[in-house]
N, C-alpha and C. Protein backbone atom coordinates (compact mmCIF):
# COMPACT_ATOMS: atom_id res chain seq x y z
N ARG A 1 -22.53 29.02 -24.15
CA ARG A 1 -22.34 28.56 -25.52
C ARG A 1 -23.42 29.12 -26.42
N ASN A 2 -23.05 29.36 -27.63
CA ASN A 2 -24.03 29.80 -28.62
C ASN A 2 -24.94 28.61 -28.96
N ILE A 3 -26.22 28.86 -29.02
CA ILE A 3 -27.17 27.82 -29.38
C ILE A 3 -27.43 27.91 -30.88
N ILE A 4 -27.07 26.87 -31.61
CA ILE A 4 -27.23 26.87 -33.07
C ILE A 4 -28.70 27.01 -33.42
N GLY A 5 -28.97 27.94 -34.33
CA GLY A 5 -30.34 28.15 -34.79
C GLY A 5 -31.10 29.18 -33.98
N LEU A 6 -30.52 29.68 -32.90
CA LEU A 6 -31.18 30.66 -32.06
C LEU A 6 -30.34 31.93 -32.07
N SER A 7 -30.91 33.00 -32.59
CA SER A 7 -30.19 34.26 -32.71
C SER A 7 -30.54 35.15 -31.52
N THR A 8 -29.70 35.10 -30.48
CA THR A 8 -29.92 35.91 -29.28
C THR A 8 -28.59 36.54 -28.87
N PRO A 9 -28.65 37.61 -28.07
CA PRO A 9 -27.41 38.19 -27.56
C PRO A 9 -26.66 37.15 -26.72
N LEU A 10 -25.34 37.24 -26.75
CA LEU A 10 -24.53 36.25 -26.05
C LEU A 10 -23.30 36.91 -25.45
N ILE A 11 -23.05 36.62 -24.20
CA ILE A 11 -21.82 37.05 -23.54
C ILE A 11 -21.04 35.78 -23.24
N THR A 12 -19.79 35.75 -23.66
CA THR A 12 -18.99 34.55 -23.47
C THR A 12 -17.54 34.94 -23.23
N THR A 13 -16.72 33.99 -22.87
CA THR A 13 -15.30 34.24 -22.68
C THR A 13 -14.54 33.81 -23.94
N THR A 14 -13.32 34.25 -24.02
CA THR A 14 -12.45 33.77 -25.10
C THR A 14 -11.71 32.57 -24.53
N ASN A 15 -12.28 31.41 -24.71
CA ASN A 15 -11.80 30.19 -24.07
C ASN A 15 -10.32 29.93 -24.28
N ALA A 16 -9.86 29.98 -25.52
CA ALA A 16 -8.46 29.66 -25.82
C ALA A 16 -7.53 30.68 -25.16
N LYS A 17 -7.82 31.95 -25.35
CA LYS A 17 -6.94 32.99 -24.81
C LYS A 17 -6.91 32.96 -23.28
N ASN A 18 -8.06 32.82 -22.66
CA ASN A 18 -8.11 32.79 -21.19
C ASN A 18 -7.36 31.60 -20.62
N THR A 19 -7.51 30.44 -21.24
CA THR A 19 -6.80 29.26 -20.74
C THR A 19 -5.30 29.41 -20.93
N GLU A 20 -4.90 29.99 -22.05
CA GLU A 20 -3.47 30.25 -22.28
C GLU A 20 -2.93 31.18 -21.20
N GLN A 21 -3.70 32.18 -20.82
CA GLN A 21 -3.29 33.12 -19.77
C GLN A 21 -3.18 32.42 -18.41
N VAL A 22 -4.10 31.52 -18.12
CA VAL A 22 -4.04 30.78 -16.86
C VAL A 22 -2.77 29.94 -16.81
N VAL A 23 -2.46 29.26 -17.90
CA VAL A 23 -1.24 28.44 -17.95
C VAL A 23 -0.02 29.33 -17.74
N SER A 24 0.03 30.48 -18.40
CA SER A 24 1.16 31.40 -18.24
C SER A 24 1.29 31.87 -16.79
N MET A 25 0.16 32.16 -16.14
CA MET A 25 0.18 32.57 -14.75
C MET A 25 0.73 31.46 -13.86
N LEU A 26 0.28 30.22 -14.10
CA LEU A 26 0.77 29.10 -13.30
C LEU A 26 2.27 28.90 -13.49
N VAL A 27 2.74 29.00 -14.72
CA VAL A 27 4.18 28.84 -14.99
C VAL A 27 4.96 29.96 -14.31
N SER A 28 4.44 31.18 -14.34
CA SER A 28 5.13 32.31 -13.70
C SER A 28 5.24 32.12 -12.19
N GLN A 29 4.37 31.29 -11.62
CA GLN A 29 4.41 30.99 -10.19
C GLN A 29 5.24 29.75 -9.89
N GLY A 30 5.88 29.20 -10.94
CA GLY A 30 6.78 28.07 -10.74
C GLY A 30 6.19 26.69 -10.99
N HIS A 31 4.94 26.64 -11.40
CA HIS A 31 4.31 25.34 -11.64
C HIS A 31 4.74 24.79 -13.00
N THR A 32 4.99 23.49 -13.04
CA THR A 32 5.35 22.83 -14.30
C THR A 32 4.50 21.60 -14.57
N ARG A 33 3.91 21.03 -13.53
CA ARG A 33 3.03 19.86 -13.71
C ARG A 33 1.60 20.37 -13.84
N ILE A 34 1.26 20.79 -15.04
CA ILE A 34 -0.04 21.41 -15.29
C ILE A 34 -0.87 20.46 -16.13
N GLY A 35 -2.07 20.15 -15.68
CA GLY A 35 -2.91 19.19 -16.38
C GLY A 35 -4.14 19.83 -16.99
N PHE A 36 -4.82 19.04 -17.79
CA PHE A 36 -6.06 19.47 -18.43
C PHE A 36 -7.10 18.37 -18.22
N PHE A 37 -8.25 18.75 -17.68
CA PHE A 37 -9.35 17.81 -17.47
C PHE A 37 -10.43 18.07 -18.51
N SER A 38 -10.86 17.01 -19.17
CA SER A 38 -11.98 17.12 -20.10
C SER A 38 -13.09 16.19 -19.63
N ILE A 39 -14.28 16.44 -20.08
CA ILE A 39 -15.41 15.59 -19.71
C ILE A 39 -15.23 14.21 -20.33
N ASN A 40 -14.91 14.16 -21.60
CA ASN A 40 -14.59 12.91 -22.28
C ASN A 40 -13.82 13.24 -23.55
N ASN A 41 -13.47 12.24 -24.32
CA ASN A 41 -12.65 12.50 -25.50
C ASN A 41 -13.43 13.13 -26.66
N ARG A 42 -14.72 13.30 -26.52
CA ARG A 42 -15.53 14.01 -27.53
C ARG A 42 -15.91 15.37 -26.96
N MET A 43 -14.94 16.25 -26.89
CA MET A 43 -15.10 17.55 -26.25
C MET A 43 -16.10 18.44 -27.00
N ALA A 44 -16.82 19.24 -26.22
CA ALA A 44 -17.67 20.29 -26.81
C ALA A 44 -16.74 21.34 -27.41
N ILE A 45 -17.26 22.16 -28.30
CA ILE A 45 -16.42 23.17 -28.98
C ILE A 45 -15.74 24.09 -27.98
N THR A 46 -16.43 24.48 -26.91
CA THR A 46 -15.81 25.37 -25.92
C THR A 46 -14.67 24.67 -25.20
N GLU A 47 -14.83 23.39 -24.94
CA GLU A 47 -13.77 22.63 -24.29
C GLU A 47 -12.58 22.46 -25.23
N LYS A 48 -12.84 22.25 -26.51
CA LYS A 48 -11.76 22.16 -27.50
C LYS A 48 -10.99 23.47 -27.54
N GLU A 49 -11.71 24.60 -27.48
CA GLU A 49 -11.04 25.90 -27.48
C GLU A 49 -10.15 26.05 -26.25
N ARG A 50 -10.63 25.61 -25.09
CA ARG A 50 -9.82 25.68 -23.88
C ARG A 50 -8.59 24.78 -24.00
N PHE A 51 -8.76 23.61 -24.61
CA PHE A 51 -7.63 22.70 -24.79
C PHE A 51 -6.59 23.32 -25.72
N GLU A 52 -7.05 23.99 -26.77
CA GLU A 52 -6.11 24.68 -27.67
C GLU A 52 -5.33 25.75 -26.91
N GLY A 53 -6.01 26.48 -26.04
CA GLY A 53 -5.34 27.50 -25.22
C GLY A 53 -4.36 26.87 -24.25
N PHE A 54 -4.74 25.74 -23.67
CA PHE A 54 -3.85 25.01 -22.78
C PHE A 54 -2.57 24.63 -23.52
N CYS A 55 -2.73 24.05 -24.70
CA CYS A 55 -1.56 23.63 -25.49
C CYS A 55 -0.71 24.83 -25.87
N SER A 56 -1.33 25.90 -26.31
CA SER A 56 -0.58 27.11 -26.67
C SER A 56 0.18 27.65 -25.48
N GLY A 57 -0.48 27.71 -24.34
CA GLY A 57 0.18 28.20 -23.12
C GLY A 57 1.37 27.36 -22.73
N MET A 58 1.21 26.05 -22.83
CA MET A 58 2.32 25.16 -22.48
C MET A 58 3.49 25.35 -23.45
N ILE A 59 3.19 25.39 -24.74
CA ILE A 59 4.23 25.53 -25.76
C ILE A 59 4.91 26.89 -25.63
N ASN A 60 4.13 27.95 -25.49
CA ASN A 60 4.70 29.30 -25.40
C ASN A 60 5.54 29.51 -24.15
N ASN A 61 5.30 28.70 -23.12
CA ASN A 61 6.07 28.80 -21.88
C ASN A 61 7.13 27.71 -21.77
N ASN A 62 7.35 27.00 -22.87
CA ASN A 62 8.37 25.94 -22.92
C ASN A 62 8.18 24.87 -21.85
N VAL A 63 6.92 24.52 -21.61
CA VAL A 63 6.59 23.45 -20.67
C VAL A 63 6.08 22.27 -21.49
N ARG A 64 6.67 21.13 -21.23
CA ARG A 64 6.30 19.93 -21.98
C ARG A 64 4.88 19.47 -21.62
N ILE A 65 4.09 19.15 -22.62
CA ILE A 65 2.75 18.59 -22.41
C ILE A 65 2.93 17.10 -22.20
N GLU A 66 2.54 16.63 -21.03
CA GLU A 66 2.70 15.22 -20.71
C GLU A 66 1.35 14.53 -20.69
N LYS A 67 1.27 13.41 -21.37
CA LYS A 67 0.02 12.66 -21.47
C LYS A 67 -0.54 12.29 -20.10
N ARG A 68 0.34 12.03 -19.14
CA ARG A 68 -0.15 11.63 -17.80
C ARG A 68 -0.90 12.74 -17.09
N TYR A 69 -0.81 13.99 -17.61
CA TYR A 69 -1.55 15.11 -17.03
C TYR A 69 -2.73 15.55 -17.89
N LEU A 70 -3.10 14.73 -18.86
CA LEU A 70 -4.29 14.98 -19.67
C LEU A 70 -5.35 13.98 -19.22
N PHE A 71 -6.43 14.49 -18.70
CA PHE A 71 -7.43 13.63 -18.06
C PHE A 71 -8.76 13.66 -18.77
N ASP A 72 -9.33 12.50 -18.88
CA ASP A 72 -10.69 12.32 -19.36
C ASP A 72 -11.47 11.89 -18.13
N THR A 73 -12.32 12.75 -17.61
CA THR A 73 -12.96 12.46 -16.33
C THR A 73 -13.85 11.23 -16.39
N THR A 74 -14.38 10.90 -17.55
CA THR A 74 -15.19 9.69 -17.66
C THR A 74 -14.33 8.46 -17.38
N ASP A 75 -13.15 8.40 -17.99
CA ASP A 75 -12.24 7.28 -17.76
C ASP A 75 -11.75 7.23 -16.32
N MET A 76 -11.45 8.42 -15.76
CA MET A 76 -10.99 8.45 -14.37
C MET A 76 -12.08 7.93 -13.44
N ARG A 77 -13.31 8.29 -13.72
CA ARG A 77 -14.42 7.83 -12.87
C ARG A 77 -14.54 6.31 -12.93
N LYS A 78 -14.38 5.73 -14.12
CA LYS A 78 -14.43 4.27 -14.26
C LYS A 78 -13.31 3.62 -13.45
N GLN A 79 -12.11 4.19 -13.52
CA GLN A 79 -10.98 3.66 -12.75
C GLN A 79 -11.27 3.75 -11.26
N GLU A 80 -11.78 4.89 -10.85
CA GLU A 80 -12.03 5.16 -9.43
C GLU A 80 -13.04 4.17 -8.84
N LEU A 81 -14.06 3.83 -9.61
CA LEU A 81 -15.10 2.94 -9.12
C LEU A 81 -14.58 1.55 -8.77
N ASN A 82 -13.49 1.15 -9.40
CA ASN A 82 -12.94 -0.19 -9.17
C ASN A 82 -11.87 -0.22 -8.09
N LEU A 83 -11.70 0.88 -7.37
CA LEU A 83 -10.65 0.96 -6.36
C LEU A 83 -11.24 1.10 -4.97
N SER A 84 -10.48 0.66 -3.98
CA SER A 84 -10.88 0.90 -2.59
C SER A 84 -10.67 2.38 -2.28
N GLN A 85 -11.18 2.82 -1.15
CA GLN A 85 -11.02 4.23 -0.80
C GLN A 85 -9.54 4.59 -0.64
N ALA A 86 -8.76 3.70 -0.06
CA ALA A 86 -7.32 3.95 0.10
C ALA A 86 -6.62 4.05 -1.26
N GLN A 87 -7.02 3.18 -2.18
CA GLN A 87 -6.43 3.21 -3.52
C GLN A 87 -6.85 4.48 -4.27
N GLN A 88 -8.10 4.94 -4.05
CA GLN A 88 -8.55 6.18 -4.66
C GLN A 88 -7.71 7.36 -4.18
N LYS A 89 -7.47 7.41 -2.87
CA LYS A 89 -6.66 8.49 -2.32
C LYS A 89 -5.26 8.47 -2.91
N LYS A 90 -4.70 7.28 -3.06
CA LYS A 90 -3.36 7.15 -3.63
C LYS A 90 -3.35 7.60 -5.10
N MET A 91 -4.40 7.21 -5.83
CA MET A 91 -4.50 7.59 -7.24
C MET A 91 -4.52 9.10 -7.40
N PHE A 92 -5.32 9.79 -6.61
CA PHE A 92 -5.43 11.24 -6.73
C PHE A 92 -4.24 11.97 -6.11
N ALA A 93 -3.61 11.38 -5.12
CA ALA A 93 -2.46 12.03 -4.46
C ALA A 93 -1.32 12.24 -5.44
N GLN A 94 -1.15 11.34 -6.39
CA GLN A 94 -0.05 11.49 -7.34
C GLN A 94 -0.20 12.73 -8.20
N TYR A 95 -1.42 13.24 -8.36
CA TYR A 95 -1.65 14.43 -9.18
C TYR A 95 -1.69 15.71 -8.37
N PHE A 96 -1.95 15.60 -7.09
CA PHE A 96 -2.13 16.79 -6.28
C PHE A 96 -1.09 16.95 -5.18
N SER A 97 0.02 16.26 -5.31
CA SER A 97 1.07 16.40 -4.30
C SER A 97 2.08 17.45 -4.70
């Protein structure tokens, strides 16, 4: 990430474009249940760019964006802490089956 106020050389990725390409690749391989994980609902600018690319990729590939596949890892961690190990496995199995 660029550090505000510090003028130095920077090598970075094109977050939106790269994420859109990843989504397109997944769709081309037959995947349709594609999710997005964020750290929390106050995303850093780079994470927002990746989310924009995710949305563009889904829309451009005619794949519906489903809220159940949009994850806030902070909230998931809170949910996970209140579950037994068996319940945790069941919770994550629904996303990775």
